[in-house]
Amino acid sequence: MSAGLRDEGKQGGALAAAWLARWPEESMRRKGVMGNVLAFGHKTAGEVTRGLEVIAETRRWLEQAEGYYALSWTAYLEAVLHLKSGSYLQARLACTVGLELVERELQGHRGQASLLHALLAGIAYEFDEIGEAVQHVEQAMRSVNECSHTDAVIVAYSTQARLQRLRNDEDSALAILREGQQLGERRGLRRLTMTLAAEECAGLARAARYDEARLVATRFGFHELRPQDNASDLASDKALRAAARYLLVHSPKLVIEALDRAIPSCQPRHLAHRSVELLLLRALAHKQDGKSAAALTDLCDALCIAAPRQYRRVFLDEGSEIGSLIDRLDPHRLRDSQAAPLLRSLQQTMRKRGNHGSGGATAMAEQLTRREVSILKRLESGLSNREIAKAIFLSEGTLKWHLHNVYSKLDVKNRAGAMTRARSLGIL
């Protein structure tokens, strides 16, 4: 259990397998706990199908033993496995069932609920359900920092940052990602630190801040595409999915060569979302290399994988470069596929965004909520974030999320700016 919580999935899985082999007659409750650790070990190794088989057996043990706390972990780990494979609809179902269990049997246990809300936030974001994503993030941040699992923390911080980018607030997005990286360093969770650094790198590259993106990638050691690129090598994986975005500007052939090796390995491992992401990167590299036909073929393949799984933001977040390819693609080319409606929807969304600015920013430009106004008024007191959070019964992480929202809505960068702006608007 300790190894699993330290994000040492392979070691935890091996120890859990040995435990189950040594004590097959132990109680179902204890076997269920070990089953959870074993399933996480399979997830870490990329063995999604085997992990889900273990989850099914684990659930039977824990339901018979009425081990509801461990069973809430089973629901969470099932969702994590589905996310790994890109099965977002099944992951959402697992989270929903898990939350019902937490409310019914665990009196709404905040720690377990935060795990599930974090995953639901990421799922809602990918489906472009922005309002739901915001609500789930706020629920997740109540305790996700204090007692949560690495996958949940990664999704919570990444989703917060992406929501801030929809508000065109890159500074807040970077601050959130760097805060998450620091948390990973303090807790010795390398995957958390590296993944959020890769998210920072990718965001900078999408914004054409290539030198800054390269500095981030170099600092964390994923600045080069290596021959052994594969999903089990953390640095190689981050280089392929983050550093490739700035490398393709000057070395598109190098990026194409690396992706030619990586993309075929996704299908047998059932990594659908990763397949779409890498196909879009290769489409961008082909476009940069002057191979428009190859770029459009990759885009078609990505759409065909994404459509039945309802992916949207993976396309929209790539911005104008992918947008121009989407705009050029004739829906008739996909007329016998589920991808045709998705293509038409993306074309409409991107054209509207081009005509009216950022669609995400418009969607997020809501008025301050009562909670945010209350927090604004507390800022005048000069109390620290910790003191304000304690006074209004929030975690410090949730308070910071609200402050990022307040600053973004008021178009300011800090407390002083927020109070000045709020006074000018008559809020204070």
Protein backbone atom coordinates (compact mmCIF):
# COMPACT_ATOMS: atom_id res chain seq x y z
CA MET A 1 0.00 0.00 0.00
CA SER A 2 2.79 2.39 0.92
CA ALA A 3 4.57 1.81 -2.40
CA GLY A 4 1.37 2.49 -4.32
CA LEU A 5 0.71 5.73 -2.45
CA ARG A 6 4.30 6.83 -3.14
CA ASP A 7 3.49 6.32 -6.85
CA GLU A 8 5.88 3.36 -7.04
CA GLY A 9 3.33 1.38 -9.00
CA LYS A 10 5.52 -1.38 -10.36
CA GLN A 11 7.02 -2.16 -6.97
CA GLY A 12 3.63 -1.97 -5.27
CA GLY A 13 2.08 -4.25 -7.87
CA ALA A 14 4.86 -6.83 -7.52
CA LEU A 15 4.54 -6.82 -3.73
CA ALA A 16 0.75 -7.10 -3.91
CA ALA A 17 0.98 -10.05 -6.32
CA ALA A 18 3.41 -11.79 -3.96
CA TRP A 19 1.12 -11.11 -0.99
CA LEU A 20 -1.93 -12.55 -2.76
CA ALA A 21 0.04 -15.65 -3.77
CA ARG A 22 1.34 -16.15 -0.22
CA TRP A 23 -1.98 -15.62 1.62
CA PRO A 24 -4.81 -16.79 -0.68
CA GLU A 25 -7.06 -17.62 2.28
CA GLU A 26 -6.81 -14.21 3.93
CA SER A 27 -9.93 -12.10 4.49
CA MET A 28 -11.68 -10.69 1.45
CA ARG A 29 -11.24 -7.17 2.80
CA ARG A 30 -7.44 -7.50 2.93
CA LYS A 31 -7.35 -9.27 -0.42
CA GLY A 32 -9.40 -6.40 -1.84
CA VAL A 33 -6.89 -3.84 -0.61
CA MET A 34 -4.07 -5.80 -2.23
CA GLY A 35 -6.14 -6.13 -5.40
CA ASN A 36 -6.32 -2.33 -5.62
CA VAL A 37 -2.53 -2.06 -5.34
CA LEU A 38 -2.05 -4.80 -7.94
CA ALA A 39 -4.44 -3.03 -10.35
CA PHE A 40 -2.46 0.17 -9.97
CA GLY A 41 0.70 -1.79 -10.71
CA HIS A 42 -0.83 -2.98 -13.98
CA LYS A 43 -1.84 0.60 -14.80
CA THR A 44 1.73 1.78 -14.24
CA ALA A 45 3.01 -0.92 -16.59
CA GLY A 46 0.45 0.05 -19.24
CA GLU A 47 -1.42 -3.26 -18.86
CA VAL A 48 -4.91 -1.78 -18.88
CA THR A 49 -6.84 -4.94 -19.75
CA ARG A 50 -5.15 -6.96 -17.02
CA GLY A 51 -5.70 -4.12 -14.56
CA LEU A 52 -9.44 -4.05 -15.27
CA GLU A 53 -9.62 -7.83 -14.81
CA VAL A 54 -8.05 -7.42 -11.37
CA ILE A 55 -10.47 -4.58 -10.57
CA ALA A 56 -13.46 -6.83 -11.36
CA GLU A 57 -12.22 -9.51 -8.96
CA THR A 58 -11.30 -6.94 -6.32
CA ARG A 59 -14.78 -5.46 -6.45
CA ARG A 60 -16.35 -8.87 -5.80
CA TRP A 61 -14.13 -9.38 -2.72
CA LEU A 62 -14.86 -5.96 -1.25
CA GLU A 63 -18.59 -6.03 -1.93
CA GLN A 64 -18.86 -9.34 -0.07
CA ALA A 65 -16.76 -7.96 2.80
CA GLU A 66 -18.60 -4.60 2.81
CA GLY A 67 -15.22 -2.89 2.62
CA TYR A 68 -16.63 0.40 1.43
CA TYR A 69 -13.58 2.62 1.92
CA ALA A 70 -11.38 0.26 -0.10
CA LEU A 71 -14.23 -0.11 -2.61
CA SER A 72 -14.18 3.66 -3.20
CA TRP A 73 -10.50 3.26 -4.14
CA THR A 74 -11.53 0.46 -6.51
CA ALA A 75 -13.92 2.82 -8.31
CA TYR A 76 -11.21 5.48 -8.54
CA LEU A 77 -8.59 3.05 -9.85
CA GLU A 78 -11.05 1.65 -12.39
CA ALA A 79 -11.56 5.21 -13.65
CA VAL A 80 -7.79 5.80 -13.79
CA LEU A 81 -7.36 2.64 -15.87
CA HIS A 82 -10.10 3.76 -18.27
CA LEU A 83 -8.47 7.19 -18.57
CA LYS A 84 -5.16 5.50 -19.34
CA SER A 85 -6.81 3.71 -22.26
CA GLY A 86 -8.68 6.84 -23.34
CA SER A 87 -12.12 5.42 -22.44
CA TYR A 88 -13.39 8.67 -20.94
CA LEU A 89 -17.08 7.70 -21.00
CA GLN A 90 -16.37 4.54 -18.98
CA ALA A 91 -14.12 6.51 -16.65
CA ARG A 92 -16.96 8.98 -16.01
CA LEU A 93 -19.31 6.10 -15.19
CA ALA A 94 -16.80 4.59 -12.73
CA CYS A 95 -16.40 7.98 -11.02
CA THR A 96 -20.15 8.51 -10.79
CA VAL A 97 -20.64 5.08 -9.21
CA GLY A 98 -17.77 5.81 -6.84
CA LEU A 99 -19.24 9.15 -5.73
CA GLU A 100 -22.61 7.50 -5.06
CA LEU A 101 -20.82 4.96 -2.86
CA VAL A 102 -18.90 7.69 -1.01
CA GLU A 103 -22.12 9.61 -0.29
CA ARG A 104 -24.13 6.51 0.67
CA GLU A 105 -21.62 4.55 2.74
CA LEU A 106 -18.82 6.97 3.71
CA GLN A 107 -20.83 10.08 4.62
CA GLY A 108 -19.30 12.02 1.75
CA HIS A 109 -15.67 11.38 2.80
CA ARG A 110 -13.86 14.50 1.51
CA GLY A 111 -10.60 12.79 0.58
CA GLN A 112 -12.24 10.05 -1.47
CA ALA A 113 -14.68 12.48 -3.07
CA SER A 114 -11.80 14.76 -4.10
CA LEU A 115 -10.11 11.90 -5.96
CA LEU A 116 -13.21 11.29 -8.04
CA HIS A 117 -14.05 14.96 -8.62
CA ALA A 118 -10.51 15.55 -9.89
CA LEU A 119 -10.93 12.89 -12.57
CA LEU A 120 -14.43 14.14 -13.44
CA ALA A 121 -13.00 17.64 -13.92
CA GLY A 122 -10.52 16.37 -16.51
CA ILE A 123 -13.18 14.32 -18.26
CA ALA A 124 -15.64 17.25 -18.43
CA TYR A 125 -12.89 19.48 -19.78
CA GLU A 126 -12.04 17.03 -22.60
CA PHE A 127 -15.73 16.88 -23.52
CA ASP A 128 -15.73 20.74 -23.59
CA GLU A 129 -18.22 20.89 -20.71
CA ILE A 130 -16.49 23.87 -19.14
CA GLY A 131 -19.04 24.73 -16.45
CA GLU A 132 -18.99 21.16 -15.13
CA ALA A 133 -15.19 21.11 -15.21
CA VAL A 134 -15.07 24.25 -13.02
CA GLN A 135 -17.50 22.75 -10.51
CA HIS A 136 -15.57 19.48 -10.25
CA VAL A 137 -12.23 21.29 -9.85
CA GLU A 138 -13.63 23.32 -6.96
CA GLN A 139 -14.83 20.10 -5.30
CA ALA A 140 -11.49 18.38 -5.93
CA MET A 141 -9.36 21.17 -4.50
CA ARG A 142 -10.99 20.86 -1.09
CA SER A 143 -8.47 18.19 -0.15
CA VAL A 144 -6.71 16.91 -3.26
CA ASN A 145 -3.33 18.26 -2.09
CA GLU A 146 -3.44 16.79 1.38
CA CYS A 147 -4.33 13.14 0.96
CA SER A 148 -4.71 12.37 -2.71
CA HIS A 149 -3.16 10.06 -5.27
CA THR A 150 -0.72 11.20 -7.97
CA ASP A 151 -3.08 10.71 -10.92
CA ALA A 152 -5.80 12.78 -9.25
CA VAL A 153 -3.38 15.59 -8.39
CA ILE A 154 -2.03 15.66 -11.97
CA VAL A 155 -5.53 15.92 -13.43
CA ALA A 156 -6.63 18.55 -10.90
CA TYR A 157 -3.69 20.89 -11.53
CA SER A 158 -3.65 20.34 -15.31
CA THR A 159 -7.37 21.06 -15.57
CA GLN A 160 -7.10 24.20 -13.45
CA ALA A 161 -4.33 25.49 -15.71
CA ARG A 162 -6.27 24.70 -18.88
CA LEU A 163 -9.33 26.50 -17.56
CA GLN A 164 -7.20 29.58 -16.89
CA ARG A 165 -5.90 29.44 -20.45
CA LEU A 166 -9.48 29.53 -21.68
CA ARG A 167 -9.66 32.88 -19.89
CA ASN A 168 -6.51 33.96 -21.75
CA ASP A 169 -4.76 34.12 -18.38
CA GLU A 170 -1.45 32.42 -19.15
CA ASP A 171 0.25 33.83 -16.05
CA SER A 172 -2.26 32.15 -13.72
CA ALA A 173 -2.00 28.91 -15.71
CA LEU A 174 1.78 28.89 -15.29
CA ALA A 175 1.51 29.73 -11.59
CA ILE A 176 -0.85 26.80 -11.03
CA LEU A 177 1.42 24.36 -12.87
CA ARG A 178 4.51 25.54 -10.98
CA GLU A 179 2.70 25.24 -7.68
CA GLY A 180 1.87 21.64 -8.58
CA GLN A 181 5.48 20.94 -9.56
CA GLN A 182 6.65 22.24 -6.19
CA LEU A 183 4.15 19.96 -4.47
CA GLY A 184 5.57 17.02 -6.42
CA GLU A 185 9.12 17.93 -5.41
CA ARG A 186 8.17 18.26 -1.73
CA ARG A 187 6.42 14.89 -1.72
CA GLY A 188 9.01 13.11 -3.87
CA LEU A 189 6.48 12.37 -6.62
CA ARG A 190 8.59 12.57 -9.77
CA ARG A 191 5.74 11.74 -12.15
CA LEU A 192 3.66 14.61 -10.78
CA THR A 193 6.52 17.09 -11.19
CA MET A 194 7.47 15.87 -14.68
CA THR A 195 3.90 15.73 -16.00
CA LEU A 196 3.06 19.26 -14.89
CA ALA A 197 6.40 20.49 -16.26
CA ALA A 198 5.47 18.88 -19.59
CA GLU A 199 2.08 20.61 -19.44
CA GLU A 200 3.89 23.91 -18.88
CA CYS A 201 6.24 23.20 -21.79
CA ALA A 202 3.37 22.32 -24.13
CA GLY A 203 1.43 25.45 -23.18
CA LEU A 204 4.44 27.68 -23.81
CA ALA A 205 5.07 26.03 -27.16
CA ARG A 206 1.44 26.45 -28.23
CA ALA A 207 1.82 30.15 -27.37
CA ALA A 208 4.95 30.28 -29.60
CA ARG A 209 7.16 30.93 -26.55
CA TYR A 210 9.63 28.38 -27.82
CA ASP A 211 12.75 29.49 -25.92
CA GLU A 212 10.87 29.34 -22.60
CA ALA A 213 9.44 25.93 -23.51
CA ARG A 214 12.94 24.65 -24.28
CA LEU A 215 14.24 25.93 -20.93
CA VAL A 216 11.50 24.04 -19.05
CA ALA A 217 12.14 20.84 -21.01
CA THR A 218 15.92 21.12 -20.48
CA ARG A 219 15.52 21.71 -16.76
CA PHE A 220 13.53 18.49 -16.38
CA GLY A 221 15.49 16.43 -18.88
CA PHE A 222 12.95 15.82 -21.63
CA HIS A 223 14.33 18.25 -24.23
CA GLU A 224 15.54 15.60 -26.70
CA LEU A 225 13.70 12.95 -28.70
CA ARG A 226 15.41 9.65 -27.96
CA PRO A 227 15.51 6.41 -29.95
CA GLN A 228 13.90 4.49 -27.07
CA ASP A 229 10.78 6.68 -26.96
CA ASN A 230 8.04 4.65 -25.30
CA ALA A 231 5.28 5.08 -22.76
CA SER A 232 7.21 3.35 -19.97
CA ASP A 233 10.11 5.83 -20.12
CA LEU A 234 8.84 8.96 -18.36
CA ALA A 235 11.37 11.43 -19.82
CA SER A 236 10.96 10.05 -23.35
CA ASP A 237 7.18 10.18 -23.07
CA LYS A 238 7.24 13.83 -21.99
CA ALA A 239 9.71 14.73 -24.73
CA LEU A 240 7.46 13.14 -27.32
CA ARG A 241 4.28 14.84 -26.13
CA ALA A 242 5.64 18.23 -25.01
CA ALA A 243 9.10 19.07 -26.36
CA ALA A 244 8.08 17.84 -29.82
CA ARG A 245 5.83 20.91 -30.07
CA TYR A 246 8.78 23.30 -30.22
CA LEU A 247 11.17 20.89 -31.93
CA LEU A 248 8.87 20.54 -34.94
CA VAL A 249 9.33 24.24 -35.75
CA HIS A 250 12.96 23.71 -36.78
CA SER A 251 13.23 19.91 -37.03
CA PRO A 252 9.92 18.54 -38.31
CA LYS A 253 11.54 15.48 -39.92
CA LEU A 254 13.09 14.51 -36.56
CA VAL A 255 9.68 14.76 -34.90
CA ILE A 256 8.01 12.75 -37.67
CA GLU A 257 10.64 10.02 -37.35
CA ALA A 258 10.07 9.76 -33.59
CA LEU A 259 6.29 9.72 -33.98
CA ASP A 260 6.48 7.09 -36.73
CA ARG A 261 7.98 4.79 -34.09
CA ALA A 262 5.64 5.75 -31.27
CA ILE A 263 2.20 5.87 -32.89
CA PRO A 264 1.99 2.18 -33.94
CA SER A 265 2.67 1.10 -30.34
CA CYS A 266 -0.48 2.85 -29.08
CA GLN A 267 -3.07 0.63 -30.76
CA PRO A 268 -2.06 -2.75 -29.26
CA ARG A 269 -1.84 -1.10 -25.85
CA HIS A 270 -5.31 0.46 -26.23
CA LEU A 271 -4.08 4.05 -25.70
CA ALA A 272 -6.71 5.94 -27.70
CA HIS A 273 -6.29 9.47 -26.32
CA ARG A 274 -2.52 9.23 -26.61
CA SER A 275 -2.95 8.06 -30.22
CA VAL A 276 -5.01 11.14 -31.07
CA GLU A 277 -2.54 13.47 -29.40
CA LEU A 278 0.45 11.97 -31.24
CA LEU A 279 -1.39 11.92 -34.58
CA LEU A 280 -2.15 15.63 -34.20
CA LEU A 281 1.51 16.33 -33.40
CA ARG A 282 2.58 14.40 -36.49
CA ALA A 283 0.01 16.32 -38.56
CA LEU A 284 1.58 19.57 -37.35
CA ALA A 285 5.06 18.26 -38.18
CA HIS A 286 3.95 17.20 -41.68
CA LYS A 287 2.38 20.62 -42.18
CA GLN A 288 5.61 22.32 -41.10
CA ASP A 289 7.51 20.04 -43.48
CA GLY A 290 5.27 21.05 -46.38
CA LYS A 291 3.45 17.69 -46.60
CA SER A 292 -0.17 18.83 -46.51
CA ALA A 293 -1.66 15.55 -47.75
CA ALA A 294 0.09 13.58 -45.02
CA ALA A 295 -1.04 16.15 -42.43
CA LEU A 296 -4.68 15.81 -43.49
CA THR A 297 -4.44 12.00 -43.42
CA ASP A 298 -3.20 12.11 -39.82
CA LEU A 299 -5.99 14.53 -38.93
CA CYS A 300 -8.58 12.16 -40.45
CA ASP A 301 -7.17 9.24 -38.48
CA ALA A 302 -7.28 11.29 -35.26
CA LEU A 303 -10.90 12.31 -35.87
CA CYS A 304 -11.93 8.69 -36.50
CA ILE A 305 -10.45 7.61 -33.17
CA ALA A 306 -11.84 10.62 -31.28
CA ALA A 307 -15.42 10.72 -32.55
CA PRO A 308 -16.88 7.62 -30.81
CA ARG A 309 -15.06 8.63 -27.62
CA GLN A 310 -16.35 12.23 -27.70
CA TYR A 311 -12.93 13.92 -27.52
CA ARG A 312 -12.98 17.63 -28.34
CA ARG A 313 -10.50 19.72 -26.38
CA VAL A 314 -7.53 17.68 -27.63
CA PHE A 315 -8.25 19.34 -31.02
CA LEU A 316 -9.33 22.78 -29.83
CA ASP A 317 -6.36 23.25 -27.50
CA GLU A 318 -3.87 22.87 -30.35
CA GLY A 319 -5.01 26.26 -31.61
CA SER A 320 -4.80 27.89 -35.01
CA GLU A 321 -2.26 25.51 -36.56
CA ILE A 322 -4.55 22.50 -36.24
CA GLY A 323 -7.50 24.82 -36.81
CA SER A 324 -6.30 25.68 -40.30
CA LEU A 325 -6.03 21.97 -41.15
CA ILE A 326 -9.50 21.28 -39.75
CA ASP A 327 -10.88 24.16 -41.81
CA ARG A 328 -9.35 22.71 -45.00
CA LEU A 329 -10.66 19.18 -44.47
CA ASP A 330 -13.74 18.33 -46.54
CA PRO A 331 -16.40 16.56 -44.40
CA HIS A 332 -17.26 14.42 -47.47
CA ARG A 333 -13.92 12.70 -46.99
CA LEU A 334 -15.36 11.28 -43.74
CA ARG A 335 -18.99 10.91 -44.91
CA ASP A 336 -19.28 7.22 -43.95
CA SER A 337 -17.68 7.74 -40.54
CA GLN A 338 -18.76 8.94 -37.09
CA ALA A 339 -15.99 11.50 -37.51
CA ALA A 340 -17.95 13.66 -39.99
CA PRO A 341 -20.26 15.27 -37.36
CA LEU A 342 -17.24 15.89 -35.09
CA LEU A 343 -15.36 17.55 -37.95
CA ARG A 344 -18.30 19.84 -38.77
CA SER A 345 -18.71 20.76 -35.10
CA LEU A 346 -15.01 21.59 -34.73
CA GLN A 347 -15.08 23.66 -37.92
CA GLN A 348 -18.03 25.69 -36.63
CA THR A 349 -16.42 26.19 -33.22
CA MET A 350 -13.08 27.27 -34.62
CA ARG A 351 -14.63 29.63 -37.17
CA LYS A 352 -16.73 31.24 -34.45
CA ARG A 353 -13.63 31.57 -32.26
CA GLY A 354 -11.75 33.14 -35.17
CA ASN A 355 -14.52 35.67 -35.74
CA HIS A 356 -15.19 36.56 -32.14
CA GLY A 357 -11.95 35.89 -30.33
CA SER A 358 -11.47 33.04 -27.89
CA GLY A 359 -14.69 31.06 -27.47
CA GLY A 360 -13.35 29.74 -24.19
CA ALA A 361 -12.72 33.24 -22.88
CA THR A 362 -16.27 34.27 -23.78
CA ALA A 363 -17.69 31.18 -22.07
CA MET A 364 -15.66 31.85 -18.95
CA ALA A 365 -16.36 35.60 -18.68
CA GLU A 366 -19.07 35.14 -16.05
CA GLN A 367 -19.72 37.54 -13.18
CA LEU A 368 -18.07 37.17 -9.80
CA THR A 369 -19.86 34.62 -7.62
CA ARG A 370 -20.99 35.37 -4.08
CA ARG A 371 -18.11 33.29 -2.76
CA GLU A 372 -15.62 35.28 -4.85
CA VAL A 373 -17.04 38.60 -3.65
CA SER A 374 -16.77 37.34 -0.07
CA ILE A 375 -13.13 36.43 -0.64
CA LEU A 376 -12.46 39.84 -2.22
CA LYS A 377 -13.78 41.54 0.90
CA ARG A 378 -11.53 39.36 3.07
CA LEU A 379 -8.50 40.50 1.07
CA GLU A 380 -8.90 43.99 2.54
CA SER A 381 -8.16 42.59 5.99
CA GLY A 382 -4.53 41.88 5.10
CA LEU A 383 -4.82 38.27 6.29
CA SER A 384 -2.68 35.57 4.68
CA ASN A 385 -4.18 33.00 2.34
CA ARG A 386 -3.94 30.40 5.08
CA GLU A 387 -5.78 32.65 7.54
CA ILE A 388 -8.53 33.53 5.06
CA ALA A 389 -8.99 29.87 4.09
CA LYS A 390 -9.33 28.87 7.75
CA ALA A 391 -11.84 31.66 8.43
CA ILE A 392 -14.18 30.58 5.62
CA PHE A 393 -13.67 26.82 6.04
CA LEU A 394 -11.80 26.17 2.78
CA SER A 395 -8.52 24.45 2.07
CA GLU A 396 -5.70 26.77 1.04
CA GLY A 397 -5.65 25.07 -2.38
CA THR A 398 -9.34 25.85 -2.96
CA LEU A 399 -8.81 29.45 -1.88
CA LYS A 400 -5.96 29.85 -4.38
CA TRP A 401 -8.21 28.48 -7.12
CA HIS A 402 -10.86 31.10 -6.24
CA LEU A 403 -8.23 33.85 -6.20
CA HIS A 404 -6.99 32.85 -9.67
CA ASN A 405 -10.60 33.12 -10.88
CA VAL A 406 -11.09 36.52 -9.24
CA TYR A 407 -7.88 37.93 -10.73
CA SER A 408 -8.79 36.59 -14.16
CA LYS A 409 -12.32 38.00 -14.12
CA LEU A 410 -11.07 41.41 -12.96
CA ASP A 411 -8.16 41.28 -15.44
CA VAL A 412 -5.53 41.89 -12.74
CA LYS A 413 -2.42 40.03 -11.56
CA ASN A 414 -2.42 40.30 -7.75
CA ARG A 415 -4.25 41.27 -4.57
CA ALA A 416 -3.55 44.98 -4.83
CA GLY A 417 -4.79 45.08 -8.39
CA ALA A 418 -7.91 43.11 -7.45
CA MET A 419 -8.83 45.49 -4.64
CA THR A 420 -8.20 48.58 -6.79
CA ARG A 421 -10.29 47.19 -9.60
CA ALA A 422 -13.07 46.04 -7.24
CA ARG A 423 -13.28 49.51 -5.69
CA SER A 424 -13.54 51.14 -9.12
CA LEU A 425 -16.42 48.78 -9.95
CA GLY A 426 -18.17 49.45 -6.63
CA ILE A 427 -17.73 45.87 -5.40
CA LEU A 428 -15.73 47.10 -2.37
